[in-house]
């Protein structure tokens, strides 16, 4: 969508899980903010789906430095799957 010192991407991701019989489509978002002329940036990436009491989220945030062919990044990632058990009696 944007492609200058602010980069913004949105889309659809499809994931396959061993425990499920079908692919899981997820909304995708990526926002990256470049600090001009420094090589420094901040980034947030997310994939999410929620249906009733079930949800899957995969979120990451990071700070980085990029110059020529060298790139360093530190960050945090959280992956959470929350599924309701329909077999309860």
PDB file of N, CA and C in Angstrom:
ATOM      1  N   UNK A   1       0.822  -1.184   0.000  1.00  0.00           N
ATOM      2  CA  UNK A   1       0.000   0.000   0.000  1.00  0.00           C
ATOM      3  C   UNK A   1       0.870   1.254   0.000  1.00  0.00           C
ATOM      4  N   UNK A   2       1.760   1.355   0.978  1.00  0.00           N
ATOM      5  CA  UNK A   2       2.696   2.476   1.039  1.00  0.00           C
ATOM      6  C   UNK A   2       4.097   1.936   0.816  1.00  0.00           C
ATOM      7  N   UNK A   3       4.966   2.746   0.251  1.00  0.00           N
ATOM      8  CA  UNK A   3       6.332   2.284   0.021  1.00  0.00           C
ATOM      9  C   UNK A   3       7.288   3.474  -0.004  1.00  0.00           C
ATOM     10  N   UNK A   4       7.481   4.100   1.142  1.00  0.00           N
ATOM     11  CA  UNK A   4       8.475   5.154   1.298  1.00  0.00           C
ATOM     12  C   UNK A   4       9.112   4.933   2.676  1.00  0.00           C
ATOM     13  N   UNK A   5       9.212   5.914   3.538  1.00  0.00           N
ATOM     14  CA  UNK A   5       9.775   5.661   4.863  1.00  0.00           C
ATOM     15  C   UNK A   5       8.806   4.874   5.731  1.00  0.00           C
ATOM     16  N   UNK A   6       7.552   4.775   5.281  1.00  0.00           N
ATOM     17  CA  UNK A   6       6.557   3.910   5.916  1.00  0.00           C
ATOM     18  C   UNK A   6       6.148   2.858   4.897  1.00  0.00           C
ATOM     19  N   UNK A   7       6.315   1.590   5.237  1.00  0.00           N
ATOM     20  CA  UNK A   7       5.884   0.495   4.367  1.00  0.00           C
ATOM     21  C   UNK A   7       4.719  -0.212   5.038  1.00  0.00           C
ATOM     22  N   UNK A   8       3.634  -0.390   4.310  1.00  0.00           N
ATOM     23  CA  UNK A   8       2.452  -1.042   4.852  1.00  0.00           C
ATOM     24  C   UNK A   8       1.955  -2.082   3.864  1.00  0.00           C
ATOM     25  N   UNK A   9       1.862  -3.325   4.319  1.00  0.00           N
ATOM     26  CA  UNK A   9       1.361  -4.425   3.501  1.00  0.00           C
ATOM     27  C   UNK A   9       0.200  -5.083   4.225  1.00  0.00           C
ATOM     28  N   UNK A  10      -0.828  -5.436   3.493  1.00  0.00           N
ATOM     29  CA  UNK A  10      -1.949  -6.204   4.029  1.00  0.00           C
ATOM     30  C   UNK A  10      -2.260  -7.311   3.039  1.00  0.00           C
ATOM     31  N   UNK A  11      -2.788  -8.420   3.571  1.00  0.00           N
ATOM     32  CA  UNK A  11      -3.091  -9.522   2.678  1.00  0.00           C
ATOM     33  C   UNK A  11      -3.678 -10.704   3.404  1.00  0.00           C
ATOM     34  N   UNK A  12      -3.499 -11.873   2.812  1.00  0.00           N
ATOM     35  CA  UNK A  12      -4.039 -13.120   3.322  1.00  0.00           C
ATOM     36  C   UNK A  12      -2.920 -14.154   3.388  1.00  0.00           C
ATOM     37  N   UNK A  13      -2.833 -14.855   4.501  1.00  0.00           N
ATOM     38  CA  UNK A  13      -1.882 -15.945   4.688  1.00  0.00           C
ATOM     39  C   UNK A  13      -2.682 -17.224   4.868  1.00  0.00           C
ATOM     40  N   UNK A  14      -2.184 -18.323   4.349  1.00  0.00           N
ATOM     41  CA  UNK A  14      -2.827 -19.620   4.564  1.00  0.00           C
ATOM     42  C   UNK A  14      -1.828 -20.521   5.270  1.00  0.00           C
ATOM     43  N   UNK A  15      -2.242 -21.084   6.403  1.00  0.00           N
ATOM     44  CA  UNK A  15      -1.383 -21.956   7.194  1.00  0.00           C
ATOM     45  C   UNK A  15      -1.963 -23.364   7.230  1.00  0.00           C
ATOM     46  N   UNK A  16      -1.074 -24.335   7.308  1.00  0.00           N
ATOM     47  CA  UNK A  16      -1.468 -25.734   7.472  1.00  0.00           C
ATOM     48  C   UNK A  16      -0.960 -26.202   8.835  1.00  0.00           C
ATOM     49  N   UNK A  17      -1.843 -26.835   9.614  1.00  0.00           N
ATOM     50  CA  UNK A  17      -1.490 -27.386  10.916  1.00  0.00           C
ATOM     51  C   UNK A  17      -1.690 -28.899  10.871  1.00  0.00           C
ATOM     52  N   UNK A  18      -0.785 -29.644  11.498  1.00  0.00           N
ATOM     53  CA  UNK A  18      -0.885 -31.101  11.519  1.00  0.00           C
ATOM     54  C   UNK A  18      -2.189 -31.575  12.155  1.00  0.00           C
ATOM     55  N   UNK A  19      -2.694 -30.854  13.139  1.00  0.00           N
ATOM     56  CA  UNK A  19      -3.871 -31.272  13.890  1.00  0.00           C
ATOM     57  C   UNK A  19      -5.183 -30.997  13.165  1.00  0.00           C
ATOM     58  N   UNK A  20      -5.165 -30.172  12.124  1.00  0.00           N
ATOM     59  CA  UNK A  20      -6.385 -29.807  11.407  1.00  0.00           C
ATOM     60  C   UNK A  20      -6.390 -30.422  10.014  1.00  0.00           C
ATOM     61  N   UNK A  21      -7.583 -30.705   9.508  1.00  0.00           N
ATOM     62  CA  UNK A  21      -7.713 -31.342   8.199  1.00  0.00           C
ATOM     63  C   UNK A  21      -7.816 -30.344   7.047  1.00  0.00           C
ATOM     64  N   UNK A  22      -7.928 -29.047   7.368  1.00  0.00           N
ATOM     65  CA  UNK A  22      -8.128 -28.045   6.326  1.00  0.00           C
ATOM     66  C   UNK A  22      -7.150 -26.884   6.507  1.00  0.00           C
ATOM     67  N   UNK A  23      -6.827 -26.171   5.426  1.00  0.00           N
ATOM     68  CA  UNK A  23      -5.974 -24.984   5.553  1.00  0.00           C
ATOM     69  C   UNK A  23      -6.687 -23.893   6.354  1.00  0.00           C
ATOM     70  N   UNK A  24      -5.910 -23.059   7.045  1.00  0.00           N
ATOM     71  CA  UNK A  24      -6.456 -21.988   7.878  1.00  0.00           C
ATOM     72  C   UNK A  24      -6.068 -20.641   7.255  1.00  0.00           C
ATOM     73  N   UNK A  25      -7.045 -19.892   6.699  1.00  0.00           N
ATOM     74  CA  UNK A  25      -6.730 -18.568   6.155  1.00  0.00           C
ATOM     75  C   UNK A  25      -6.634 -17.552   7.288  1.00  0.00           C
ATOM     76  N   UNK A  26      -5.655 -16.654   7.196  1.00  0.00           N
ATOM     77  CA  UNK A  26      -5.435 -15.647   8.233  1.00  0.00           C
ATOM     78  C   UNK A  26      -5.226 -14.284   7.587  1.00  0.00           C
ATOM     79  N   UNK A  27      -5.727 -13.240   8.239  1.00  0.00           N
ATOM     80  CA  UNK A  27      -5.451 -11.886   7.781  1.00  0.00           C
ATOM     81  C   UNK A  27      -4.001 -11.541   8.110  1.00  0.00           C
ATOM     82  N   UNK A  28      -3.320 -10.875   7.185  1.00  0.00           N
ATOM     83  CA  UNK A  28      -1.905 -10.550   7.320  1.00  0.00           C
ATOM     84  C   UNK A  28      -1.719  -9.035   7.286  1.00  0.00           C
ATOM     85  N   UNK A  29      -0.871  -8.529   8.167  1.00  0.00           N
ATOM     86  CA  UNK A  29      -0.505  -7.122   8.151  1.00  0.00           C
ATOM     87  C   UNK A  29       0.954  -6.943   8.512  1.00  0.00           C
ATOM     88  N   UNK A  30       1.635  -6.023   7.831  1.00  0.00           N
ATOM     89  CA  UNK A  30       3.038  -5.743   8.094  1.00  0.00           C
ATOM     90  C   UNK A  30       3.238  -4.229   7.993  1.00  0.00           C
ATOM     91  N   UNK A  31       3.729  -3.630   9.063  1.00  0.00           N
ATOM     92  CA  UNK A  31       4.023  -2.195   9.061  1.00  0.00           C
ATOM     93  C   UNK A  31       5.492  -2.009   9.424  1.00  0.00           C
ATOM     94  N   UNK A  32       6.211  -1.286   8.587  1.00  0.00           N
ATOM     95  CA  UNK A  32       7.630  -1.017   8.844  1.00  0.00           C
ATOM     96  C   UNK A  32       7.870   0.482   8.708  1.00  0.00           C
ATOM     97  N   UNK A  33       8.525   1.038   9.707  1.00  0.00           N
ATOM     98  CA  UNK A  33       8.818   2.469   9.747  1.00  0.00           C
ATOM     99  C   UNK A  33      10.327   2.654   9.709  1.00  0.00           C
ATOM    100  N   UNK A  34      10.838   3.238   8.623  1.00  0.00           N
ATOM    101  CA  UNK A  34      12.268   3.486   8.447  1.00  0.00           C
ATOM    102  C   UNK A  34      12.612   4.889   8.931  1.00  0.00           C
ATOM    103  N   UNK A  35      13.662   5.003   9.713  1.00  0.00           N
ATOM    104  CA  UNK A  35      14.162   6.313  10.119  1.00  0.00           C
ATOM    105  C   UNK A  35      15.097   6.783   9.004  1.00  0.00           C
ATOM    106  N   UNK A  36      14.712   7.801   8.237  1.00  0.00           N
ATOM    107  CA  UNK A  36      15.470   8.209   7.048  1.00  0.00           C
ATOM    108  C   UNK A  36      16.952   8.472   7.321  1.00  0.00           C
ATOM    109  N   UNK A  37      17.784   8.008   6.372  1.00  0.00           N
ATOM    110  CA  UNK A  37      19.227   8.246   6.341  1.00  0.00           C
ATOM    111  C   UNK A  37      20.008   7.581   7.468  1.00  0.00           C
ATOM    112  N   UNK A  38      19.390   6.675   8.241  1.00  0.00           N
ATOM    113  CA  UNK A  38      20.097   6.046   9.353  1.00  0.00           C
ATOM    114  C   UNK A  38      20.242   4.538   9.209  1.00  0.00           C
ATOM    115  N   UNK A  39      19.371   3.885   8.467  1.00  0.00           N
ATOM    116  CA  UNK A  39      19.361   2.428   8.379  1.00  0.00           C
ATOM    117  C   UNK A  39      18.562   1.777   9.502  1.00  0.00           C
ATOM    118  N   UNK A  40      18.041   2.576  10.441  1.00  0.00           N
ATOM    119  CA  UNK A  40      17.255   2.045  11.550  1.00  0.00           C
ATOM    120  C   UNK A  40      15.784   1.917  11.159  1.00  0.00           C
ATOM    121  N   UNK A  41      15.117   0.897  11.709  1.00  0.00           N
ATOM    122  CA  UNK A  41      13.694   0.724  11.438  1.00  0.00           C
ATOM    123  C   UNK A  41      13.005   0.021  12.599  1.00  0.00           C
ATOM    124  N   UNK A  42      11.690   0.171  12.653  1.00  0.00           N
ATOM    125  CA  UNK A  42      10.826  -0.559  13.584  1.00  0.00           C
ATOM    126  C   UNK A  42       9.790  -1.278  12.732  1.00  0.00           C
ATOM    127  N   UNK A  43       9.439  -2.494  13.139  1.00  0.00           N
ATOM    128  CA  UNK A  43       8.544  -3.302  12.324  1.00  0.00           C
ATOM    129  C   UNK A  43       7.564  -4.070  13.201  1.00  0.00           C
ATOM    130  N   UNK A  44       6.339  -4.229  12.722  1.00  0.00           N
ATOM    131  CA  UNK A  44       5.327  -5.058  13.373  1.00  0.00           C
ATOM    132  C   UNK A  44       4.658  -5.908  12.299  1.00  0.00           C
ATOM    133  N   UNK A  45       4.559  -7.219  12.560  1.00  0.00           N
ATOM    134  CA  UNK A  45       3.963  -8.159  11.618  1.00  0.00           C
ATOM    135  C   UNK A  45       2.921  -8.977  12.366  1.00  0.00           C
ATOM    136  N   UNK A  46       1.766  -9.164  11.750  1.00  0.00           N
ATOM    137  CA  UNK A  46       0.730  -9.953  12.400  1.00  0.00           C
ATOM    138  C   UNK A  46      -0.067 -10.790  11.433  1.00  0.00           C
ATOM    139  N   UNK A  47      -0.422 -11.994  11.882  1.00  0.00           N
ATOM    140  CA  UNK A  47      -1.344 -12.883  11.184  1.00  0.00           C
ATOM    141  C   UNK A  47      -2.389 -13.282  12.205  1.00  0.00           C
ATOM    142  N   UNK A  48      -3.667 -13.156  11.854  1.00  0.00           N
ATOM    143  CA  UNK A  48      -4.707 -13.419  12.850  1.00  0.00           C
ATOM    144  C   UNK A  48      -5.979 -13.947  12.186  1.00  0.00           C
ATOM    145  N   UNK A  49      -6.663 -14.837  12.922  1.00  0.00           N
ATOM    146  CA  UNK A  49      -8.008 -15.277  12.554  1.00  0.00           C
ATOM    147  C   UNK A  49      -8.750 -15.582  13.842  1.00  0.00           C
ATOM    148  N   UNK A  50     -10.032 -15.272  13.845  1.00  0.00           N
ATOM    149  CA  UNK A  50     -10.870 -15.552  15.004  1.00  0.00           C
ATOM    150  C   UNK A  50     -12.239 -15.972  14.500  1.00  0.00           C
ATOM    151  N   UNK A  51     -12.744 -17.089  15.035  1.00  0.00           N
ATOM    152  CA  UNK A  51     -14.055 -17.590  14.648  1.00  0.00           C
ATOM    153  C   UNK A  51     -14.722 -18.151  15.892  1.00  0.00           C
ATOM    154  N   UNK A  52     -15.719 -17.449  16.391  1.00  0.00           N
ATOM    155  CA  UNK A  52     -16.366 -17.875  17.634  1.00  0.00           C
ATOM    156  C   UNK A  52     -15.381 -17.818  18.794  1.00  0.00           C
ATOM    157  N   UNK A  53     -15.234 -18.925  19.513  1.00  0.00           N
ATOM    158  CA  UNK A  53     -14.287 -19.001  20.623  1.00  0.00           C
ATOM    159  C   UNK A  53     -12.907 -19.499  20.187  1.00  0.00           C
ATOM    160  N   UNK A  54     -12.697 -19.701  18.888  1.00  0.00           N
ATOM    161  CA  UNK A  54     -11.430 -20.193  18.364  1.00  0.00           C
ATOM    162  C   UNK A  54     -10.643 -19.041  17.760  1.00  0.00           C
ATOM    163  N   UNK A  55      -9.325 -19.059  17.983  1.00  0.00           N
ATOM    164  CA  UNK A  55      -8.485 -18.021  17.388  1.00  0.00           C
ATOM    165  C   UNK A  55      -7.059 -18.518  17.216  1.00  0.00           C
ATOM    166  N   UNK A  56      -6.393 -17.946  16.227  1.00  0.00           N
ATOM    167  CA  UNK A  56      -4.964 -18.178  15.992  1.00  0.00           C
ATOM    168  C   UNK A  56      -4.343 -16.810  15.750  1.00  0.00           C
ATOM    169  N   UNK A  57      -3.298 -16.475  16.516  1.00  0.00           N
ATOM    170  CA  UNK A  57      -2.584 -15.218  16.318  1.00  0.00           C
ATOM    171  C   UNK A  57      -1.084 -15.493  16.255  1.00  0.00           C
ATOM    172  N   UNK A  58      -0.424 -14.802  15.367  1.00  0.00           N
ATOM    173  CA  UNK A  58       1.028 -14.870  15.214  1.00  0.00           C
ATOM    174  C   UNK A  58       1.498 -13.427  15.037  1.00  0.00           C
ATOM    175  N   UNK A  59       2.056 -12.847  16.106  1.00  0.00           N
ATOM    176  CA  UNK A  59       2.452 -11.443  16.101  1.00  0.00           C
ATOM    177  C   UNK A  59       3.949 -11.321  16.388  1.00  0.00           C
ATOM    178  N   UNK A  60       4.585 -10.347  15.739  1.00  0.00           N
ATOM    179  CA  UNK A  60       6.006 -10.081  15.967  1.00  0.00           C
ATOM    180  C   UNK A  60       6.268  -8.584  15.868  1.00  0.00           C
ATOM    181  N   UNK A  61       7.152  -8.090  16.727  1.00  0.00           N
ATOM    182  CA  UNK A  61       7.621  -6.707  16.661  1.00  0.00           C
ATOM    183  C   UNK A  61       9.137  -6.727  16.723  1.00  0.00           C
ATOM    184  N   UNK A  62       9.776  -5.754  16.096  1.00  0.00           N
ATOM    185  CA  UNK A  62      11.226  -5.734  16.103  1.00  0.00           C
ATOM    186  C   UNK A  62      11.805  -4.375  15.781  1.00  0.00           C
ATOM    187  N   UNK A  63      13.050  -4.197  16.179  1.00  0.00           N
ATOM    188  CA  UNK A  63      13.859  -3.038  15.844  1.00  0.00           C
ATOM    189  C   UNK A  63      15.065  -3.543  15.079  1.00  0.00           C
ATOM    190  N   UNK A  64      15.466  -2.805  14.056  1.00  0.00           N
ATOM    191  CA  UNK A  64      16.570  -3.298  13.259  1.00  0.00           C
ATOM    192  C   UNK A  64      17.438  -2.204  12.685  1.00  0.00           C
ATOM    193  N   UNK A  65      18.566  -2.662  12.121  1.00  0.00           N
ATOM    194  CA  UNK A  65      19.537  -1.791  11.460  1.00  0.00           C
ATOM    195  C   UNK A  65      19.930  -2.482  10.170  1.00  0.00           C
ATOM    196  N   UNK A  66      19.876  -1.746   9.054  1.00  0.00           N
ATOM    197  CA  UNK A  66      20.151  -2.327   7.753  1.00  0.00           C
ATOM    198  C   UNK A  66      21.015  -1.371   6.945  1.00  0.00           C
ATOM    199  N   UNK A  67      22.184  -1.841   6.513  1.00  0.00           N
ATOM    200  CA  UNK A  67      23.055  -1.042   5.667  1.00  0.00           C
ATOM    201  C   UNK A  67      23.756  -1.992   4.691  1.00  0.00           C
ATOM    202  N   UNK A  68      23.750  -1.649   3.409  1.00  0.00           N
ATOM    203  CA  UNK A  68      24.344  -2.457   2.336  1.00  0.00           C
ATOM    204  C   UNK A  68      23.811  -3.887   2.429  1.00  0.00           C
ATOM    205  N   UNK A  69      24.685  -4.871   2.673  1.00  0.00           N
ATOM    206  CA  UNK A  69      24.259  -6.270   2.743  1.00  0.00           C
ATOM    207  C   UNK A  69      24.183  -6.786   4.177  1.00  0.00           C
ATOM    208  N   UNK A  70      24.345  -5.902   5.157  1.00  0.00           N
ATOM    209  CA  UNK A  70      24.315  -6.292   6.571  1.00  0.00           C
ATOM    210  C   UNK A  70      22.980  -5.871   7.179  1.00  0.00           C
ATOM    211  N   UNK A  71      22.359  -6.790   7.900  1.00  0.00           N
ATOM    212  CA  UNK A  71      21.085  -6.496   8.549  1.00  0.00           C
ATOM    213  C   UNK A  71      21.064  -7.153   9.924  1.00  0.00           C
ATOM    214  N   UNK A  72      20.719  -6.384  10.945  1.00  0.00           N
ATOM    215  CA  UNK A  72      20.586  -6.899  12.301  1.00  0.00           C
ATOM    216  C   UNK A  72      19.193  -6.559  12.803  1.00  0.00           C
ATOM    217  N   UNK A  73      18.561  -7.500  13.512  1.00  0.00           N
ATOM    218  CA  UNK A  73      17.229  -7.240  14.046  1.00  0.00           C
ATOM    219  C   UNK A  73      17.055  -7.952  15.380  1.00  0.00           C
ATOM    220  N   UNK A  74      16.440  -7.263  16.329  1.00  0.00           N
ATOM    221  CA  UNK A  74      16.042  -7.855  17.603  1.00  0.00           C
ATOM    222  C   UNK A  74      14.536  -7.674  17.719  1.00  0.00           C
ATOM    223  N   UNK A  75      13.888  -8.629  18.379  1.00  0.00           N
ATOM    224  CA  UNK A  75      12.442  -8.502  18.473  1.00  0.00           C
ATOM    225  C   UNK A  75      11.815  -9.527  19.382  1.00  0.00           C
ATOM    226  N   UNK A  76      10.505  -9.550  19.340  1.00  0.00           N
ATOM    227  CA  UNK A  76       9.700 -10.440  20.158  1.00  0.00           C
ATOM    228  C   UNK A  76       8.607 -11.019  19.276  1.00  0.00           C
ATOM    229  N   UNK A  77       8.331 -12.332  19.442  1.00  0.00           N
ATOM    230  CA  UNK A  77       7.283 -12.989  18.665  1.00  0.00           C
ATOM    231  C   UNK A  77       6.388 -13.783  19.613  1.00  0.00           C
ATOM    232  N   UNK A  78       5.080 -13.728  19.355  1.00  0.00           N
ATOM    233  CA  UNK A  78       4.107 -14.474  20.138  1.00  0.00           C
ATOM    234  C   UNK A  78       3.194 -15.236  19.185  1.00  0.00           C
ATOM    235  N   UNK A  79       3.111 -16.553  19.374  1.00  0.00           N
ATOM    236  CA  UNK A  79       2.242 -17.414  18.570  1.00  0.00           C
ATOM    237  C   UNK A  79       1.264 -18.074  19.522  1.00  0.00           C
ATOM    238  N   UNK A  80      -0.039 -17.889  19.291  1.00  0.00           N
ATOM    239  CA  UNK A  80      -1.047 -18.411  20.212  1.00  0.00           C
ATOM    240  C   UNK A  80      -2.173 -19.077  19.430  1.00  0.00           C
ATOM    241  N   UNK A  81      -2.518 -20.290  19.850  1.00  0.00           N
ATOM    242  CA  UNK A  81      -3.648 -21.018  19.272  1.00  0.00           C
ATOM    243  C   UNK A  81      -4.613 -21.305  20.405  1.00  0.00           C
ATOM    244  N   UNK A  82      -5.849 -20.877  20.240  1.00  0.00           N
ATOM    245  CA  UNK A  82      -6.872 -21.072  21.264  1.00  0.00           C
ATOM    246  C   UNK A  82      -8.080 -21.739  20.601  1.00  0.00           C
ATOM    247  N   UNK A  83      -8.285 -23.028  20.895  1.00  0.00           N
ATOM    248  CA  UNK A  83      -9.379 -23.787  20.292  1.00  0.00           C
ATOM    249  C   UNK A  83     -10.306 -24.313  21.366  1.00  0.00           C
ATOM    250  N   UNK A  84     -11.613 -24.188  21.145  1.00  0.00           N
ATOM    251  CA  UNK A  84     -12.622 -24.724  22.057  1.00  0.00           C
ATOM    252  C   UNK A  84     -12.815 -26.205  21.743  1.00  0.00           C
ATOM    253  N   UNK A  85     -12.958 -27.001  22.774  1.00  0.00           N
ATOM    254  CA  UNK A  85     -13.185 -28.426  22.620  1.00  0.00           C
ATOM    255  C   UNK A  85     -14.689 -28.672  22.550  1.00  0.00           C
ATOM    256  N   UNK A  86     -15.183 -29.105  21.364  1.00  0.00           N
ATOM    257  CA  UNK A  86     -16.612 -29.337  21.181  1.00  0.00           C
ATOM    258  C   UNK A  86     -17.061 -30.703  21.691  1.00  0.00           C
ATOM    259  N   UNK A  87     -16.134 -31.551  22.128  1.00  0.00           N
ATOM    260  CA  UNK A  87     -16.461 -32.904  22.569  1.00  0.00           C
ATOM    261  C   UNK A  87     -16.804 -33.002  24.053  1.00  0.00           C
ATOM    262  N   UNK A  88     -16.911 -31.867  24.743  1.00  0.00           N
ATOM    263  CA  UNK A  88     -17.222 -31.899  26.166  1.00  0.00           C
ATOM    264  C   UNK A  88     -18.657 -32.357  26.385  1.00  0.00           C
ATOM    265  N   UNK A  89     -18.873 -33.172  27.437  1.00  0.00           N
ATOM    266  CA  UNK A  89     -20.220 -33.662  27.742  1.00  0.00           C
ATOM    267  C   UNK A  89     -20.654 -33.189  29.093  1.00  0.00           C
TER     268      UNK A  89
END
